[in-house]
Amino acid sequence: MIVLLGVVVVILGFVTRRNPVLVVGVAGIATGLLGRLNPQEVLAAFGRSFADSRSVTVFAIVLPVIGLLERYGLREQARNLIGRLGSLSAGRFLTVYLMVRQITAAFGLNSIGGPAQTVRPLVAPMAEAAAERTTGAALPERLREKVRSYAASADTVGVFFGEDCFIAIGSILLITGFVNSTYHQELEPTQLALWAIPLAVCAFLIHGARLLLLDRRLEREMALAAAEHDLPLPKGTAK
């Protein structure tokens, strides 16, 4: 039971708001040492876990590439591109991205997007530029963070509800394997995938409506911010 003290290390680390990677690393080392593993065996366990979960940790390889692209103007080019599409507001752009994310996830293409790969360097800057063009003024930091959160939600909701429409996704195979082995059923992945389609449609309609309402909310909050600071109203905003 003394090995479970590693869980206490995780709890204390998160309660004191330490770096999550550092907390998990220290908890893993403490658990290994309490389990009577020598330092070499602990290091080998970390290596095996990293290799077995390389699909989860592959983002660590992608991040330096994205950093170089951002340094050489990827975000600025994304903002310039959205600026040429005059009729595309932030809400409409994110709704289109939500639809694309769901469709690609339904075909098993989960890795073509994500918070690190697309949202931060591309989708969020484009949504911010569309919002600034629609409101006619620079967004305050609070509203800028709101647009970024909506961009992240479009990616998350799209892939979460879209991936279950693909029969070879891990969650579908896990459910069918568990149900068939535990309850002696003959559940097929196709059945779950078909039932996931109406759920994905409902998710698109509900979250798409929230994204479309983002434009009206931004205009209203920009007007309130202008009134509080006695500034002229952004163009296109009703008094």
Protein backbone atom coordinates (compact mmCIF):
# COMPACT_ATOMS: atom_id res chain seq x y z
CA MET A 1 0.00 0.00 0.00
CA ILE A 2 2.95 2.35 0.51
CA VAL A 3 3.29 2.58 -3.28
CA LEU A 4 0.02 4.56 -3.32
CA LEU A 5 1.90 7.49 -1.78
CA GLY A 6 2.65 8.45 -5.38
CA VAL A 7 -1.02 9.42 -5.68
CA VAL A 8 -0.58 11.71 -2.67
CA VAL A 9 2.31 13.40 -4.49
CA VAL A 10 0.05 14.03 -7.50
CA ILE A 11 -2.72 15.47 -5.30
CA LEU A 12 -0.35 17.75 -3.40
CA GLY A 13 1.28 18.92 -6.61
CA PHE A 14 -2.01 19.87 -8.23
CA VAL A 15 -3.34 21.49 -5.05
CA THR A 16 -0.24 23.69 -4.85
CA ARG A 17 -0.51 24.38 -8.60
CA ARG A 18 2.89 23.08 -9.57
CA ASN A 19 3.91 22.29 -13.12
CA PRO A 20 1.83 19.21 -14.16
CA VAL A 21 4.71 17.57 -16.03
CA LEU A 22 7.00 18.00 -13.03
CA VAL A 23 4.33 16.69 -10.64
CA VAL A 24 3.66 13.56 -12.70
CA GLY A 25 7.37 12.95 -13.17
CA VAL A 26 8.14 13.23 -9.46
CA ALA A 27 5.12 11.03 -8.63
CA GLY A 28 6.33 8.39 -11.07
CA ILE A 29 9.84 8.41 -9.66
CA ALA A 30 8.52 8.26 -6.07
CA THR A 31 6.20 5.36 -6.94
CA GLY A 32 9.01 3.44 -8.60
CA LEU A 33 11.42 3.92 -5.69
CA LEU A 34 8.74 2.99 -3.16
CA GLY A 35 8.07 -0.13 -5.24
CA ARG A 36 11.73 -1.11 -4.74
CA LEU A 37 12.84 -0.33 -8.29
CA ASN A 38 16.35 0.98 -8.79
CA PRO A 39 16.88 4.26 -10.71
CA GLN A 40 17.75 2.40 -13.91
CA GLU A 41 14.49 0.42 -13.79
CA VAL A 42 12.50 3.61 -13.13
CA LEU A 43 14.10 5.26 -16.15
CA ALA A 44 13.37 2.16 -18.26
CA ALA A 45 9.72 2.28 -17.16
CA PHE A 46 9.48 5.91 -18.27
CA GLY A 47 10.98 4.98 -21.64
CA ARG A 48 8.58 2.07 -22.16
CA SER A 49 5.59 4.22 -21.24
CA PHE A 50 6.69 6.95 -23.64
CA ALA A 51 7.16 4.44 -26.47
CA ASP A 52 3.82 2.72 -25.81
CA SER A 53 2.00 6.09 -25.72
CA ARG A 54 3.87 7.76 -28.57
CA SER A 55 0.59 8.56 -30.33
CA VAL A 56 -0.31 10.72 -27.30
CA THR A 57 3.10 12.36 -26.93
CA VAL A 58 3.73 13.00 -30.62
CA PHE A 59 2.63 16.61 -30.12
CA ALA A 60 6.02 17.23 -28.47
CA ILE A 61 7.60 16.74 -31.90
CA VAL A 62 5.06 18.99 -33.62
CA LEU A 63 5.42 21.94 -31.24
CA PRO A 64 8.92 23.07 -32.39
CA VAL A 65 7.73 23.03 -36.01
CA ILE A 66 4.71 25.17 -35.15
CA GLY A 67 6.95 27.52 -33.18
CA LEU A 68 9.19 28.06 -36.22
CA LEU A 69 6.17 28.66 -38.46
CA GLU A 70 4.77 31.22 -36.03
CA ARG A 71 8.12 32.97 -35.79
CA TYR A 72 8.17 33.43 -39.55
CA GLY A 73 4.68 34.87 -39.80
CA LEU A 74 2.15 32.02 -39.86
CA ARG A 75 -0.31 33.84 -37.58
CA GLU A 76 0.00 37.09 -39.53
CA GLN A 77 -0.65 35.30 -42.82
CA ALA A 78 -3.68 33.59 -41.32
CA ARG A 79 -5.09 36.95 -40.21
CA ASN A 80 -4.44 38.45 -43.64
CA LEU A 81 -6.23 35.55 -45.32
CA ILE A 82 -9.37 35.91 -43.23
CA GLY A 83 -9.26 39.67 -43.80
CA ARG A 84 -9.82 39.11 -47.53
CA LEU A 85 -13.07 37.24 -46.87
CA GLY A 86 -15.28 40.19 -46.08
CA SER A 87 -18.54 38.35 -45.35
CA LEU A 88 -17.05 35.76 -43.02
CA SER A 89 -17.52 36.66 -39.35
CA ALA A 90 -15.90 34.90 -36.41
CA GLY A 91 -19.01 32.86 -35.64
CA ARG A 92 -19.50 31.79 -39.25
CA PHE A 93 -15.85 30.89 -39.67
CA LEU A 94 -15.84 28.75 -36.51
CA THR A 95 -19.08 27.06 -37.57
CA VAL A 96 -17.47 26.08 -40.87
CA TYR A 97 -14.43 24.79 -39.00
CA LEU A 98 -16.70 22.80 -36.67
CA MET A 99 -18.36 21.15 -39.66
CA VAL A 100 -15.02 20.36 -41.33
CA ARG A 101 -13.64 18.95 -38.06
CA GLN A 102 -16.65 16.70 -37.58
CA ILE A 103 -16.58 15.39 -41.14
CA THR A 104 -12.86 14.64 -41.10
CA ALA A 105 -13.13 12.97 -37.68
CA ALA A 106 -16.01 10.83 -38.98
CA PHE A 107 -13.57 9.43 -41.56
CA GLY A 108 -10.91 8.75 -38.93
CA LEU A 109 -8.75 11.81 -39.72
CA ASN A 110 -8.40 13.01 -36.13
CA SER A 111 -4.76 14.04 -36.33
CA ILE A 112 -5.14 16.70 -39.02
CA GLY A 113 -6.34 19.19 -36.41
CA GLY A 114 -6.04 19.89 -32.73
CA PRO A 115 -5.38 22.68 -30.21
CA ALA A 116 -1.61 22.65 -30.83
CA GLN A 117 -1.57 21.88 -34.55
CA THR A 118 -4.31 24.15 -35.90
CA VAL A 119 -6.27 26.09 -33.25
CA ARG A 120 -3.46 28.16 -31.77
CA PRO A 121 -1.45 28.97 -34.90
CA LEU A 122 -4.30 29.20 -37.45
CA VAL A 123 -7.93 28.98 -36.31
CA ALA A 124 -7.75 31.34 -33.31
CA PRO A 125 -5.88 34.15 -35.15
CA MET A 126 -8.29 33.90 -38.09
CA ALA A 127 -11.30 34.05 -35.76
CA GLU A 128 -9.82 37.07 -33.96
CA ALA A 129 -9.23 38.87 -37.26
CA ALA A 130 -12.78 38.14 -38.40
CA ALA A 131 -14.16 39.44 -35.10
CA GLU A 132 -12.11 42.65 -35.31
CA ARG A 133 -13.23 43.25 -38.89
CA THR A 134 -16.88 42.67 -37.94
CA THR A 135 -16.82 44.93 -34.88
CA GLY A 136 -14.57 47.51 -36.51
CA ALA A 137 -12.21 47.79 -33.54
CA ALA A 138 -9.42 45.92 -31.80
CA LEU A 139 -10.68 43.35 -29.32
CA PRO A 140 -9.93 43.84 -25.62
CA GLU A 141 -7.92 41.05 -24.06
CA ARG A 142 -10.99 39.60 -22.32
CA LEU A 143 -12.92 39.27 -25.59
CA ARG A 144 -9.82 38.00 -27.37
CA GLU A 145 -9.59 35.16 -24.86
CA LYS A 146 -13.29 34.45 -25.37
CA VAL A 147 -12.80 34.09 -29.13
CA ARG A 148 -9.87 31.76 -28.52
CA SER A 149 -11.95 29.63 -26.15
CA TYR A 150 -14.71 29.34 -28.76
CA ALA A 151 -12.10 28.33 -31.36
CA ALA A 152 -10.84 25.58 -29.05
CA SER A 153 -14.40 24.44 -28.35
CA ALA A 154 -15.15 24.15 -32.07
CA ASP A 155 -12.20 21.78 -32.46
CA THR A 156 -12.99 19.77 -29.33
CA VAL A 157 -16.71 19.35 -29.97
CA GLY A 158 -16.12 18.53 -33.62
CA VAL A 159 -13.63 15.73 -33.02
CA PHE A 160 -15.39 14.39 -29.90
CA PHE A 161 -18.73 13.81 -31.57
CA GLY A 162 -17.39 13.14 -35.04
CA GLU A 163 -14.90 10.39 -34.26
CA ASP A 164 -17.56 7.98 -32.98
CA CYS A 165 -19.04 7.83 -36.47
CA PHE A 166 -15.88 6.00 -37.57
CA ILE A 167 -16.10 2.26 -36.86
CA ALA A 168 -12.35 1.76 -36.34
CA ILE A 169 -11.90 4.41 -33.64
CA GLY A 170 -10.57 3.23 -30.28
CA SER A 171 -13.64 4.21 -28.25
CA ILE A 172 -15.99 2.21 -30.49
CA LEU A 173 -13.77 -0.87 -30.36
CA LEU A 174 -13.42 -0.54 -26.58
CA ILE A 175 -17.19 -0.35 -26.05
CA THR A 176 -17.98 -3.29 -28.32
CA GLY A 177 -15.20 -5.42 -26.83
CA PHE A 178 -16.30 -4.69 -23.25
CA VAL A 179 -20.01 -5.25 -23.91
CA ASN A 180 -19.49 -8.44 -25.90
CA SER A 181 -17.10 -10.01 -23.38
CA THR A 182 -18.91 -8.89 -20.23
CA TYR A 183 -22.58 -9.21 -21.21
CA HIS A 184 -22.15 -11.89 -23.91
CA GLN A 185 -23.71 -9.74 -26.61
CA GLU A 186 -22.96 -9.56 -30.33
CA LEU A 187 -22.68 -5.81 -30.68
CA GLU A 188 -21.07 -4.67 -33.91
CA PRO A 189 -19.03 -1.45 -34.33
CA THR A 190 -21.28 -0.47 -37.23
CA GLN A 191 -24.28 -0.33 -34.91
CA LEU A 192 -22.59 2.11 -32.54
CA ALA A 193 -21.29 4.22 -35.43
CA LEU A 194 -24.78 4.52 -36.93
CA TRP A 195 -26.25 5.61 -33.59
CA ALA A 196 -23.46 8.17 -33.22
CA ILE A 197 -24.51 9.97 -36.42
CA PRO A 198 -27.71 11.61 -35.03
CA LEU A 199 -25.79 12.55 -31.89
CA ALA A 200 -23.10 14.23 -34.01
CA VAL A 201 -25.78 16.11 -35.97
CA CYS A 202 -27.38 17.35 -32.74
CA ALA A 203 -23.97 18.43 -31.42
CA PHE A 204 -23.33 20.37 -34.62
CA LEU A 205 -26.70 22.12 -34.49
CA ILE A 206 -26.42 23.05 -30.82
CA HIS A 207 -22.80 24.18 -30.79
CA GLY A 208 -23.10 25.72 -34.25
CA ALA A 209 -25.92 27.92 -32.94
CA ARG A 210 -23.71 28.97 -30.01
CA LEU A 211 -20.93 29.88 -32.42
CA LEU A 212 -23.24 31.93 -34.62
CA LEU A 213 -24.49 33.81 -31.55
CA LEU A 214 -20.88 34.72 -30.75
CA ASP A 215 -20.96 37.58 -33.28
CA ARG A 216 -23.93 39.24 -31.60
CA ARG A 217 -22.37 38.77 -28.18
CA LEU A 218 -19.11 40.33 -29.31
CA GLU A 219 -20.88 43.37 -30.75
CA ARG A 220 -22.87 43.83 -27.55
CA GLU A 221 -19.84 43.53 -25.28
CA MET A 222 -17.80 45.85 -27.50
CA ALA A 223 -20.58 48.43 -27.24
CA LEU A 224 -20.63 48.08 -23.46
CA ALA A 225 -16.86 48.43 -23.27
CA ALA A 226 -16.99 51.55 -25.43
CA ALA A 227 -19.70 53.02 -23.22
CA GLU A 228 -17.77 52.32 -20.03
CA HIS A 229 -14.67 54.08 -21.36
CA ASP A 230 -16.64 56.82 -23.16
CA LEU A 231 -15.26 55.76 -26.54
CA PRO A 232 -16.96 55.99 -29.94
CA LEU A 233 -19.00 52.93 -30.84
CA PRO A 234 -17.42 50.50 -33.29
CA LYS A 235 -18.78 50.82 -36.78
CA GLY A 236 -21.84 48.73 -37.50
CA THR A 237 -22.86 48.60 -33.82
CA ALA A 238 -26.33 49.83 -32.96
CA LYS A 239 -26.67 52.42 -30.21
